[in-house]
């Protein structure tokens, strides 16, 4: 049996941690971007897909000495 004071402290701590997590996981506003100003409405935005341009999402494991073994044959 857990004492009442320990259970109350646990629930208070859990509530505090959950509130802290919500600050990082929930959006800060309903709209992701602000509305454009009237002068900016004609400006277009170019969106580029840069997946695997600088960083690759896949990785293939190789033996560390594989390149050294193949050097005499190149």
Protein backbone atom coordinates (compact mmCIF):
# COMPACT_ATOMS: atom_id res chain seq x y z
CA UNK A 1 0.00 0.00 0.00
CA UNK A 2 1.35 3.41 -1.00
CA UNK A 3 1.06 6.20 1.59
CA UNK A 4 -1.31 9.02 0.64
CA UNK A 5 1.38 11.72 0.80
CA UNK A 6 3.69 9.80 -1.57
CA UNK A 7 0.85 9.20 -4.02
CA UNK A 8 -0.14 12.87 -3.93
CA UNK A 9 3.48 13.93 -4.55
CA UNK A 10 3.73 11.50 -7.47
CA UNK A 11 0.52 12.82 -9.06
CA UNK A 12 1.69 16.43 -8.64
CA UNK A 13 5.04 15.62 -10.23
CA UNK A 14 3.36 13.72 -13.06
CA UNK A 15 1.05 16.66 -13.78
CA UNK A 16 4.03 19.02 -13.84
CA UNK A 17 5.95 16.80 -16.27
CA UNK A 18 2.93 16.39 -18.56
CA UNK A 19 2.44 20.17 -18.67
CA UNK A 20 6.10 20.63 -19.59
CA UNK A 21 5.82 18.04 -22.36
CA UNK A 22 2.77 19.75 -23.82
CA UNK A 23 4.82 22.92 -24.31
CA UNK A 24 7.11 21.00 -26.67
CA UNK A 25 4.63 18.68 -28.37
CA UNK A 26 1.59 20.88 -28.95
CA UNK A 27 1.60 23.80 -31.42
CA UNK A 28 1.76 27.25 -29.88
CA UNK A 29 -1.03 28.57 -32.11
CA UNK A 30 -3.83 27.30 -34.31
CA UNK A 31 -2.29 28.76 -37.47
CA UNK A 32 1.14 27.51 -38.53
CA UNK A 33 1.95 30.74 -40.39
CA UNK A 34 0.72 34.31 -39.94
CA UNK A 35 -1.49 35.97 -42.53
CA UNK A 36 0.29 37.79 -45.33
CA UNK A 37 0.27 41.55 -45.44
CA UNK A 38 -1.70 43.07 -48.35
CA UNK A 39 1.52 44.05 -50.14
CA UNK A 40 2.89 40.52 -49.87
CA UNK A 41 -0.07 38.67 -51.37
CA UNK A 42 1.39 38.65 -54.88
CA UNK A 43 4.72 37.17 -53.72
CA UNK A 44 5.12 33.46 -54.43
CA UNK A 45 7.15 30.94 -52.49
CA UNK A 46 9.24 28.23 -54.09
CA UNK A 47 9.29 25.01 -52.10
CA UNK A 48 12.15 22.65 -52.86
CA UNK A 49 12.27 19.01 -51.94
CA UNK A 50 15.79 18.52 -50.56
CA UNK A 51 15.48 14.98 -49.29
CA UNK A 52 18.76 13.12 -49.81
CA UNK A 53 20.48 16.22 -51.18
CA UNK A 54 22.76 16.79 -48.22
CA UNK A 55 21.73 14.00 -45.89
CA UNK A 56 20.70 10.50 -46.83
CA UNK A 57 17.97 8.65 -45.00
CA UNK A 58 19.44 5.23 -45.68
CA UNK A 59 22.71 3.73 -44.54
CA UNK A 60 24.42 0.56 -45.65
CA UNK A 61 26.92 -1.02 -43.31
CA UNK A 62 30.25 -1.95 -44.86
CA UNK A 63 33.33 -3.63 -43.52
CA UNK A 64 35.90 -1.02 -42.43
CA UNK A 65 38.72 -2.58 -44.48
CA UNK A 66 36.66 -3.31 -47.61
CA UNK A 67 38.07 -0.36 -49.55
CA UNK A 68 41.64 -1.26 -48.64
CA UNK A 69 41.17 -4.83 -49.85
CA UNK A 70 39.88 -3.67 -53.24
CA UNK A 71 42.61 -1.06 -53.85
CA UNK A 72 45.12 -3.46 -55.53
CA UNK A 73 42.48 -4.45 -58.10
CA UNK A 74 41.63 -0.91 -59.17
